[in-house]
Amino acid sequence: MSTSELLTVEPLDLQFPFELKKQISCSLYLTNKTDNNVAFKVKTTNPKKYCVRPNTGVVLPRSTCEVLVTMQAQKEAPSDMQCKDKFLLQGVIASPGVTAKEVTPEMFSKEAGHLVEETKLKVTYVAPPRPPSPVHEGSEEGSSPRASVSDNGHGSEFSRFSVDKGEPQENTSEARALITKLTEEKQSAMQLNNRLQRELDQLRRESKKSQSGGIPFMYVLLVGLIGLILGYIMKRT
């Protein structure tokens, strides 16, 4: 802020968030501290690079006027990101009732004896603002209440919730596989039991026939059972 008697200028350092191939604007505020009309004029050392609206005008007593300074799109960035451009704001007491259209260059002529107040302004390049975080946008637009808790600093808790959510599915798959295996073994056992029962009945019938030939029934039955047990063991392996 300047310490001039007519106009208070803010800011004294015009800061432009520099970006290539993009117009950038900065506002300048002029405050009239007097009870008189104050005419102003804005000059720059690089008029082709900047557009000032309005570049001349009148600030009413005890009021503030905004001046918009626009830097044209630049094709190249300075190597050191330093700007040597300067601005000069001139202020002079104007007659009552004067309008912006009536402000002339002669009003700011020191040779004509006018008391001209001057304020120098410098230009600074600053880093452009960062774009919003994608994660932050997602939490605002369409996240669940659980996701909003993550934004408040409990991201690890939300991560654990996501991981734990997948465990019951794995357990369910294992349980289904185990049930299927047990069912198949039960069916195999039932089929083997039926087979053993049929073969045992056949052995009994054959044993009755063999009794007439002198072969003991228990011997035949024992040989048949051993054969069935060996067959079962071979099938399991």
Protein backbone atom coordinates (compact mmCIF):
# COMPACT_ATOMS: atom_id res chain seq x y z
CA MET A 1 0.00 0.00 0.00
CA SER A 2 1.32 3.45 -0.93
CA THR A 3 1.62 6.39 1.49
CA SER A 4 0.63 9.08 -1.02
CA GLU A 5 -1.61 11.99 -0.08
CA LEU A 6 -4.18 11.69 -2.88
CA LEU A 7 -4.56 8.00 -3.78
CA THR A 8 -3.83 4.87 -1.83
CA VAL A 9 -2.68 2.17 -4.27
CA GLU A 10 -2.94 -1.52 -3.51
CA PRO A 11 -1.05 -3.65 -4.28
CA LEU A 12 2.25 -2.03 -5.13
CA ASP A 13 3.48 -5.36 -6.51
CA LEU A 14 1.42 -6.68 -9.42
CA GLN A 15 1.60 -10.46 -9.18
CA PHE A 16 0.77 -12.53 -12.26
CA PRO A 17 0.47 -16.35 -12.03
CA PHE A 18 2.57 -16.95 -15.14
CA GLU A 19 1.32 -19.50 -17.69
CA LEU A 20 2.37 -19.82 -21.31
CA LYS A 21 -0.14 -18.90 -24.04
CA LYS A 22 -2.69 -17.60 -21.53
CA GLN A 23 -3.91 -14.11 -20.66
CA ILE A 24 -3.51 -13.29 -16.97
CA SER A 25 -5.18 -10.43 -15.10
CA CYS A 26 -4.40 -8.61 -11.87
CA SER A 27 -6.56 -6.04 -10.08
CA LEU A 28 -5.31 -2.67 -8.87
CA TYR A 29 -7.34 -0.71 -6.29
CA LEU A 30 -7.17 3.08 -6.06
CA THR A 31 -8.65 4.74 -2.97
CA ASN A 32 -9.27 8.49 -2.86
CA LYS A 33 -8.36 9.77 0.60
CA THR A 34 -9.42 13.36 -0.05
CA ASP A 35 -12.66 15.29 -0.34
CA ASN A 36 -11.86 16.23 -3.95
CA ASN A 37 -12.13 14.41 -7.23
CA VAL A 38 -8.81 12.82 -8.18
CA ALA A 39 -7.98 12.07 -11.81
CA PHE A 40 -5.56 9.20 -12.50
CA LYS A 41 -3.55 7.83 -15.36
CA VAL A 42 -1.68 4.48 -15.60
CA LYS A 43 1.52 4.15 -17.66
CA THR A 44 3.75 1.12 -18.32
CA THR A 45 7.21 0.53 -19.75
CA ASN A 46 5.80 -2.23 -21.99
CA PRO A 47 2.45 -1.03 -23.41
CA LYS A 48 2.29 -3.81 -26.05
CA LYS A 49 2.43 -6.48 -23.39
CA TYR A 50 -0.30 -5.14 -21.08
CA CYS A 51 -3.87 -3.94 -21.40
CA VAL A 52 -5.08 -1.54 -18.67
CA ARG A 53 -8.80 -0.87 -18.21
CA PRO A 54 -9.43 1.91 -17.44
CA ASN A 55 -6.04 3.49 -18.00
CA THR A 56 -7.47 6.93 -17.14
CA GLY A 57 -10.38 7.96 -14.96
CA VAL A 58 -11.67 9.83 -11.93
CA VAL A 59 -11.91 8.55 -8.37
CA LEU A 60 -14.68 10.24 -6.41
CA PRO A 61 -14.01 11.57 -2.91
CA ARG A 62 -13.61 8.89 -0.22
CA SER A 63 -14.25 6.09 -2.74
CA THR A 64 -12.31 3.26 -4.40
CA CYS A 65 -11.83 2.45 -8.07
CA GLU A 66 -10.69 -0.90 -9.52
CA VAL A 67 -8.24 -1.01 -12.43
CA LEU A 68 -7.77 -4.31 -14.26
CA VAL A 69 -4.30 -4.98 -15.66
CA THR A 70 -4.17 -7.86 -18.18
CA MET A 71 -0.94 -9.40 -19.42
CA GLN A 72 -1.20 -10.72 -22.97
CA ALA A 73 -0.52 -14.41 -23.63
CA GLN A 74 3.21 -15.08 -23.71
CA LYS A 75 4.85 -17.60 -26.06
CA GLU A 76 8.06 -17.95 -24.04
CA ALA A 77 8.88 -17.88 -20.34
CA PRO A 78 11.85 -15.87 -19.05
CA SER A 79 14.76 -18.10 -18.04
CA ASP A 80 14.92 -16.72 -14.49
CA MET A 81 11.16 -16.01 -14.18
CA GLN A 82 11.99 -12.38 -13.41
CA CYS A 83 10.07 -9.45 -14.90
CA LYS A 84 11.58 -6.01 -15.41
CA ASP A 85 8.35 -4.32 -16.47
CA LYS A 86 7.24 -1.30 -14.45
CA PHE A 87 4.01 0.69 -14.01
CA LEU A 88 3.55 4.32 -13.05
CA LEU A 89 0.33 5.64 -11.56
CA GLN A 90 -0.19 9.40 -11.75
CA GLY A 91 -2.82 11.26 -9.72
CA VAL A 92 -3.92 14.87 -9.73
CA ILE A 93 -6.72 16.84 -8.14
CA ALA A 94 -9.52 17.41 -10.65
CA SER A 95 -12.26 20.01 -10.83
CA PRO A 96 -15.63 19.17 -9.27
CA GLY A 97 -17.96 17.42 -11.66
CA VAL A 98 -15.22 16.31 -14.08
CA THR A 99 -15.86 12.94 -15.75
CA ALA A 100 -13.51 10.20 -16.98
CA LYS A 101 -14.03 11.28 -20.60
CA GLU A 102 -12.84 14.78 -19.71
CA VAL A 103 -9.47 13.58 -18.37
CA THR A 104 -6.70 14.79 -20.72
CA PRO A 105 -2.91 14.24 -20.83
CA GLU A 106 -2.37 17.94 -20.12
CA MET A 107 -3.82 17.46 -16.64
CA PHE A 108 -0.73 15.38 -15.73
CA SER A 109 1.81 17.81 -17.19
CA LYS A 110 4.28 19.05 -14.62
CA GLU A 111 5.53 21.68 -17.04
CA ALA A 112 2.09 23.29 -16.91
CA GLY A 113 2.47 23.68 -13.16
CA HIS A 114 0.15 20.84 -12.08
CA LEU A 115 0.96 19.03 -8.85
CA VAL A 116 1.17 15.43 -10.00
CA GLU A 117 1.49 12.60 -7.50
CA GLU A 118 3.27 9.48 -8.79
CA THR A 119 3.41 5.91 -7.53
CA LYS A 120 5.70 3.29 -9.04
CA LEU A 121 4.58 -0.34 -9.31
CA LYS A 122 6.59 -3.44 -10.13
CA VAL A 123 5.60 -6.74 -11.74
CA THR A 124 6.29 -10.19 -10.28
CA TYR A 125 5.69 -13.63 -11.74
CA VAL A 126 4.34 -16.24 -9.31
CA ALA A 127 3.57 -19.92 -9.66
CA PRO A 128 0.09 -20.69 -11.03
CA PRO A 129 -2.44 -22.23 -8.62
CA ARG A 130 -2.43 -26.01 -8.44
CA PRO A 131 -5.44 -27.88 -9.84
CA PRO A 132 -7.71 -29.53 -7.26
CA SER A 133 -6.89 -33.07 -6.21
CA PRO A 134 -8.80 -35.81 -8.07
CA VAL A 135 -9.28 -37.67 -4.83
CA HIS A 136 -10.72 -34.59 -3.19
CA GLU A 137 -13.11 -34.03 -6.09
CA GLY A 138 -14.30 -37.61 -5.98
CA SER A 139 -15.07 -37.36 -2.27
CA GLU A 140 -17.15 -34.23 -2.88
CA GLU A 141 -19.10 -35.41 -5.93
CA GLY A 142 -20.14 -38.95 -5.31
CA SER A 143 -18.46 -40.75 -2.47
CA SER A 144 -20.12 -42.73 0.25
CA PRO A 145 -20.17 -41.55 3.89
CA ARG A 146 -17.28 -43.93 4.48
CA ALA A 147 -15.20 -42.05 1.92
CA SER A 148 -15.91 -38.73 3.65
CA VAL A 149 -14.41 -40.19 6.83
CA SER A 150 -11.27 -40.92 4.80
CA ASP A 151 -11.00 -37.22 3.90
CA ASN A 152 -10.90 -36.34 7.60
CA GLY A 153 -7.68 -38.25 8.17
CA HIS A 154 -8.79 -41.88 8.48
CA GLY A 155 -7.60 -43.10 5.10
CA SER A 156 -5.94 -46.19 6.60
CA GLU A 157 -9.21 -47.18 8.27
CA PHE A 158 -11.00 -46.90 4.92
CA SER A 159 -8.28 -49.04 3.29
CA ARG A 160 -8.68 -51.74 5.92
CA PHE A 161 -12.41 -51.69 5.36
CA SER A 162 -11.91 -52.30 1.65
CA VAL A 163 -9.49 -55.18 2.24
CA ASP A 164 -11.58 -56.86 4.92
CA LYS A 165 -14.60 -56.68 2.68
CA GLY A 166 -13.01 -59.15 0.28
CA GLU A 167 -12.17 -61.87 2.87
CA PRO A 168 -15.70 -63.39 3.25
CA GLN A 169 -15.78 -64.01 -0.50
CA GLU A 170 -12.57 -66.03 -0.33
CA ASN A 171 -13.85 -68.02 2.67
CA THR A 172 -17.12 -68.72 0.87
CA SER A 173 -15.27 -70.07 -2.17
CA GLU A 174 -13.16 -72.37 0.00
CA ALA A 175 -16.23 -73.61 1.85
CA ARG A 176 -18.03 -74.37 -1.39
CA ALA A 177 -15.01 -76.29 -2.71
CA LEU A 178 -14.81 -78.29 0.52
CA ILE A 179 -18.53 -79.12 0.44
CA THR A 180 -18.24 -80.26 -3.17
CA LYS A 181 -15.27 -82.48 -2.32
CA LEU A 182 -17.03 -84.03 0.67
CA THR A 183 -20.14 -84.66 -1.41
CA GLU A 184 -18.11 -86.42 -4.07
CA GLU A 185 -16.33 -88.57 -1.48
CA LYS A 186 -19.66 -89.45 0.12
CA GLN A 187 -21.06 -90.54 -3.23
CA SER A 188 -17.90 -92.59 -3.91
CA ALA A 189 -18.16 -94.22 -0.48
CA MET A 190 -21.82 -95.09 -1.09
CA GLN A 191 -21.00 -96.56 -4.48
CA LEU A 192 -18.15 -98.57 -2.96
CA ASN A 193 -20.43 -99.78 -0.16
CA ASN A 194 -23.01 -100.95 -2.67
CA ARG A 195 -20.33 -102.66 -4.66
CA LEU A 196 -18.96 -104.41 -1.58
CA GLN A 197 -22.46 -105.50 -0.65
CA ARG A 198 -23.05 -106.99 -4.10
CA GLU A 199 -19.72 -108.76 -4.16
CA LEU A 200 -20.28 -110.08 -0.63
CA ASP A 201 -23.62 -111.54 -1.67
CA GLN A 202 -21.94 -113.12 -4.67
CA LEU A 203 -19.24 -114.61 -2.40
CA ARG A 204 -21.88 -116.05 -0.14
CA ARG A 205 -23.57 -117.70 -3.06
CA GLU A 206 -20.30 -119.05 -4.35
CA SER A 207 -19.34 -120.28 -0.87
CA LYS A 208 -22.47 -122.39 -0.68
CA LYS A 209 -21.48 -124.03 -3.95
CA SER A 210 -17.90 -124.54 -2.82
CA GLN A 211 -18.94 -126.30 0.39
CA SER A 212 -19.82 -129.32 -1.65
CA GLY A 213 -16.24 -129.34 -3.01
CA GLY A 214 -14.71 -129.28 0.46
CA ILE A 215 -13.52 -125.58 0.59
CA PRO A 216 -14.41 -123.96 3.95
CA PHE A 217 -16.83 -121.01 3.76
CA MET A 218 -14.73 -118.77 6.05
CA TYR A 219 -11.65 -119.21 3.88
CA VAL A 220 -13.45 -118.11 0.76
CA LEU A 221 -15.04 -115.16 2.55
CA LEU A 222 -11.69 -114.05 3.97
CA VAL A 223 -9.99 -114.15 0.56
CA GLY A 224 -12.82 -112.13 -0.97
CA LEU A 225 -12.71 -109.44 1.75
CA ILE A 226 -8.95 -109.08 1.39
CA GLY A 227 -9.35 -108.59 -2.34
CA LEU A 228 -12.00 -105.92 -1.84
CA ILE A 229 -9.90 -104.06 0.74
CA LEU A 230 -6.84 -104.09 -1.55
CA GLY A 231 -8.96 -102.83 -4.42
CA TYR A 232 -10.27 -99.97 -2.24
CA ILE A 233 -6.74 -99.03 -1.13
CA MET A 234 -5.49 -99.03 -4.72
CA LYS A 235 -8.38 -96.77 -5.78
CA ARG A 236 -7.69 -94.23 -2.97
CA THR A 237 -4.04 -93.96 -3.92
